[in-house]
């Protein structure tokens, strides 16, 4: 998430309300110096994997 550029986030948000919300939150986090100092790139990668797994499971149920 921290390595996503604004143009990449814009592409992610197009046409999907969930991803639009995600993109907005990701943009705010990317701009937060407090967040950037709180989480390492490795921790961010692991967090993203967990979120993908979590939302993937939700999609399977629906």
N, C-alpha and C. Protein backbone atom coordinates (compact mmCIF):
# COMPACT_ATOMS: atom_id res chain seq x y z
N UNK A 1 0.81 -1.17 0.00
CA UNK A 1 0.00 0.00 0.00
C UNK A 1 0.86 1.25 0.00
N UNK A 2 1.90 1.29 0.80
CA UNK A 2 2.73 2.47 0.86
C UNK A 2 3.46 2.73 -0.44
N UNK A 3 3.65 1.71 -1.24
CA UNK A 3 4.39 1.91 -2.48
C UNK A 3 3.48 2.21 -3.67
N UNK A 4 2.17 2.29 -3.46
CA UNK A 4 1.26 2.64 -4.54
C UNK A 4 1.34 4.13 -4.84
N UNK A 5 1.42 4.45 -6.09
CA UNK A 5 1.44 5.84 -6.51
C UNK A 5 0.00 6.33 -6.70
N UNK A 6 -0.17 7.66 -6.67
CA UNK A 6 -1.53 8.23 -6.77
C UNK A 6 -2.24 7.78 -8.04
N UNK A 7 -1.52 7.69 -9.16
CA UNK A 7 -2.18 7.28 -10.41
C UNK A 7 -2.62 5.82 -10.33
N UNK A 8 -1.85 4.97 -9.61
CA UNK A 8 -2.23 3.57 -9.44
C UNK A 8 -3.46 3.47 -8.54
N UNK A 9 -3.51 4.27 -7.48
CA UNK A 9 -4.68 4.28 -6.61
C UNK A 9 -5.91 4.75 -7.37
N UNK A 10 -5.74 5.72 -8.26
CA UNK A 10 -6.87 6.21 -9.05
C UNK A 10 -7.43 5.10 -9.92
N UNK A 11 -6.57 4.30 -10.54
CA UNK A 11 -7.01 3.18 -11.37
C UNK A 11 -7.77 2.15 -10.54
N UNK A 12 -7.27 1.87 -9.35
CA UNK A 12 -7.89 0.89 -8.46
C UNK A 12 -9.31 1.31 -8.10
N UNK A 13 -9.51 2.61 -7.89
CA UNK A 13 -10.79 3.12 -7.42
C UNK A 13 -11.87 3.15 -8.48
N UNK A 14 -11.54 3.12 -9.74
CA UNK A 14 -12.52 3.32 -10.81
C UNK A 14 -13.56 2.20 -10.89
N UNK A 15 -14.84 2.58 -10.82
CA UNK A 15 -15.93 1.65 -11.08
C UNK A 15 -16.27 0.67 -9.98
N UNK A 16 -15.70 0.80 -8.80
CA UNK A 16 -15.95 -0.15 -7.73
C UNK A 16 -16.04 0.63 -6.42
N UNK A 17 -17.21 0.65 -5.80
CA UNK A 17 -17.40 1.47 -4.60
C UNK A 17 -16.52 1.01 -3.44
N UNK A 18 -16.34 -0.30 -3.27
CA UNK A 18 -15.47 -0.77 -2.20
C UNK A 18 -14.04 -0.32 -2.43
N UNK A 19 -13.55 -0.49 -3.65
CA UNK A 19 -12.17 -0.11 -3.95
C UNK A 19 -12.00 1.41 -3.91
N UNK A 20 -13.07 2.14 -4.20
CA UNK A 20 -13.01 3.60 -4.08
C UNK A 20 -12.75 4.00 -2.63
N UNK A 21 -13.48 3.36 -1.71
CA UNK A 21 -13.27 3.62 -0.28
C UNK A 21 -11.86 3.20 0.13
N UNK A 22 -11.42 2.03 -0.34
CA UNK A 22 -10.07 1.56 -0.03
C UNK A 22 -9.04 2.54 -0.54
N UNK A 23 -9.21 2.99 -1.78
CA UNK A 23 -8.26 3.91 -2.38
C UNK A 23 -8.17 5.23 -1.62
N UNK A 24 -9.32 5.74 -1.17
CA UNK A 24 -9.33 6.98 -0.40
C UNK A 24 -8.58 6.81 0.92
N UNK A 25 -8.83 5.70 1.60
CA UNK A 25 -8.15 5.44 2.86
C UNK A 25 -6.66 5.20 2.65
N UNK A 26 -6.32 4.48 1.60
CA UNK A 26 -4.91 4.21 1.30
C UNK A 26 -4.18 5.51 0.99
N UNK A 27 -4.83 6.40 0.27
CA UNK A 27 -4.22 7.69 -0.04
C UNK A 27 -3.94 8.47 1.24
N UNK A 28 -4.91 8.51 2.14
CA UNK A 28 -4.72 9.22 3.40
C UNK A 28 -3.58 8.60 4.21
N UNK A 29 -3.53 7.27 4.25
CA UNK A 29 -2.45 6.61 4.98
C UNK A 29 -1.10 6.88 4.34
N UNK A 30 -1.04 6.83 3.03
CA UNK A 30 0.21 7.08 2.33
C UNK A 30 0.75 8.47 2.62
N UNK A 31 -0.14 9.41 2.86
CA UNK A 31 0.26 10.78 3.11
C UNK A 31 0.55 11.05 4.58
N UNK A 32 0.29 10.08 5.44
CA UNK A 32 0.47 10.26 6.88
C UNK A 32 1.89 9.88 7.30
N UNK A 33 2.66 10.85 7.75
CA UNK A 33 4.02 10.56 8.21
C UNK A 33 3.99 9.70 9.47
N UNK A 34 2.95 9.86 10.28
CA UNK A 34 2.81 9.04 11.49
C UNK A 34 2.65 7.57 11.13
N UNK A 35 1.81 7.29 10.14
CA UNK A 35 1.60 5.92 9.70
C UNK A 35 2.86 5.34 9.09
N UNK A 36 3.52 6.13 8.26
CA UNK A 36 4.73 5.65 7.60
C UNK A 36 5.82 5.28 8.59
N UNK A 37 5.92 6.02 9.68
CA UNK A 37 6.93 5.70 10.68
C UNK A 37 6.50 4.55 11.59
N UNK A 38 5.20 4.26 11.60
CA UNK A 38 4.66 3.22 12.47
C UNK A 38 4.80 1.83 11.87
N UNK A 39 4.76 1.72 10.58
CA UNK A 39 4.75 0.41 9.92
C UNK A 39 5.89 0.30 8.91
N UNK A 40 6.65 -0.77 9.03
CA UNK A 40 7.72 -1.01 8.06
C UNK A 40 7.13 -1.53 6.75
N UNK A 41 7.92 -1.52 5.70
CA UNK A 41 7.45 -2.03 4.40
C UNK A 41 7.07 -3.50 4.51
N UNK A 42 7.83 -4.27 5.30
CA UNK A 42 7.53 -5.69 5.47
C UNK A 42 6.21 -5.88 6.20
N UNK A 43 5.98 -5.08 7.24
CA UNK A 43 4.72 -5.16 7.98
C UNK A 43 3.55 -4.76 7.09
N UNK A 44 3.75 -3.75 6.28
CA UNK A 44 2.72 -3.31 5.35
C UNK A 44 2.38 -4.42 4.37
N UNK A 45 3.38 -5.10 3.83
CA UNK A 45 3.17 -6.21 2.90
C UNK A 45 2.36 -7.32 3.57
N UNK A 46 2.73 -7.69 4.79
CA UNK A 46 2.01 -8.74 5.52
C UNK A 46 0.56 -8.32 5.80
N UNK A 47 0.37 -7.06 6.16
CA UNK A 47 -0.98 -6.56 6.42
C UNK A 47 -1.82 -6.65 5.16
N UNK A 48 -1.25 -6.26 4.03
CA UNK A 48 -1.98 -6.32 2.76
C UNK A 48 -2.37 -7.76 2.42
N UNK A 49 -1.46 -8.70 2.65
CA UNK A 49 -1.77 -10.11 2.39
C UNK A 49 -2.93 -10.57 3.27
N UNK A 50 -2.92 -10.18 4.54
CA UNK A 50 -3.99 -10.57 5.45
C UNK A 50 -5.33 -9.98 5.01
N UNK A 51 -5.30 -8.72 4.57
CA UNK A 51 -6.54 -8.08 4.12
C UNK A 51 -7.06 -8.76 2.86
N UNK A 52 -6.19 -9.10 1.93
CA UNK A 52 -6.61 -9.81 0.71
C UNK A 52 -7.25 -11.14 1.07
N UNK A 53 -6.63 -11.85 2.01
CA UNK A 53 -7.16 -13.14 2.45
C UNK A 53 -8.53 -12.95 3.11
N UNK A 54 -8.64 -11.96 3.99
CA UNK A 54 -9.89 -11.69 4.70
C UNK A 54 -11.01 -11.37 3.71
N UNK A 55 -10.77 -10.44 2.79
CA UNK A 55 -11.82 -10.06 1.85
C UNK A 55 -12.06 -11.13 0.79
N UNK A 56 -11.06 -11.94 0.51
CA UNK A 56 -11.25 -13.07 -0.39
C UNK A 56 -12.22 -14.08 0.21
N UNK A 57 -12.08 -14.33 1.51
CA UNK A 57 -12.99 -15.25 2.21
C UNK A 57 -14.41 -14.69 2.22
N UNK A 58 -14.54 -13.37 2.41
CA UNK A 58 -15.88 -12.75 2.39
C UNK A 58 -16.52 -12.92 1.03
N UNK A 59 -15.75 -12.76 -0.03
CA UNK A 59 -16.28 -12.90 -1.40
C UNK A 59 -16.75 -14.32 -1.65
N UNK A 60 -16.02 -15.32 -1.12
CA UNK A 60 -16.40 -16.72 -1.33
C UNK A 60 -17.74 -17.02 -0.69
N UNK A 61 -18.02 -16.39 0.46
CA UNK A 61 -19.29 -16.64 1.17
C UNK A 61 -20.48 -16.07 0.42
N UNK A 62 -20.25 -14.99 -0.32
CA UNK A 62 -21.36 -14.33 -1.02
C UNK A 62 -21.62 -14.95 -2.31
